[in-house]
Amino acid sequence: MAKRVFFSFHYQDVIDLRANVVRNSWVTKKDREQAGFFDASIWEEAEKKGTLALKRLINGALNGTSATAVLVGSDTANRRWVRYEIFKSISEGKRLIAVHINGIKGKDTKTKAKGTNPFVVLGLRYSADGKTITPCVKTTTGWRASGDHAPWTRGKVAPETLRGKTFSLHDLGYKTYDWISDDGYKNLGTWVG
C-alpha cells in the first residue's frame, strides 16, 4: 500500500526543477500505488504568512502522512522551515529520510555538488532522565536548542547511552540517499515505507 509522504525542500529547488523531478516521479508510473507514495507537500509561503500561521500550515500538511522525505539541495540545511518540518516529523514519530537531489539536472541542464546534509547539522539532546528531547542545531561553537520547535516528552525513557547527550540525526541512524546513484525513481517508495 502506498504511503502518504510529506516532501520538505528549499523553494529554490522547485524553481530549479530538481525537487519537482522527485515529487512528480509517480506520474510516469501506472498509478500512485505503484510509485509507493503520495505527495503531501505544501509550498513555502514564509514571506506571505506569519510564523504561527506558517507552523499551522506545515502541521496541517504533515497531518495524515506517515513519512517525510527531505529533498537536499544546495541550501536546504540552512532553511528555517525545513528544520521545523524535520523536527516536527520526528516529534510525531514519522519515518524520516533525506534524499540528495543536486545530481538531477536543473532547468539550466547542469548538476550541482551535493549540499550539506541536514541530518549532520541537526540533532537531538536527550535529558539526563531520558524523558525529554530537545531539538538542536549545530553551530561553530557547538549545539544550541532550536528556537522554532519546543522540546517534547518521549513515550518511553531513552536508553542510558543517550541520556544527557546530544547526537546528530545522522549519528542516530536517520537514512540519507542520493536520487541518482541510489536510483530514487525506482526506490523512493521503498525508502519511505
Foldseek 3Di string as FASTA:
>chain_A
DAFEEEEAEDVVCVVQVLVVCLQCLQVPPPHRVLQRYHYLYDHDDPVPDPLVVVVVVLVVSCPRGQEYEYEFDACGLVDLVSLVSVVVCVVVPHQYEYEYRQVPQTPVRHGDPTHDDNLQQKKWAAEQFQFKIFIWGQDPVGTDGRPSDGIDTDPDGDDNVRHRDMDRSVVVPHYYYYCPVVVCSNCVSVSRD
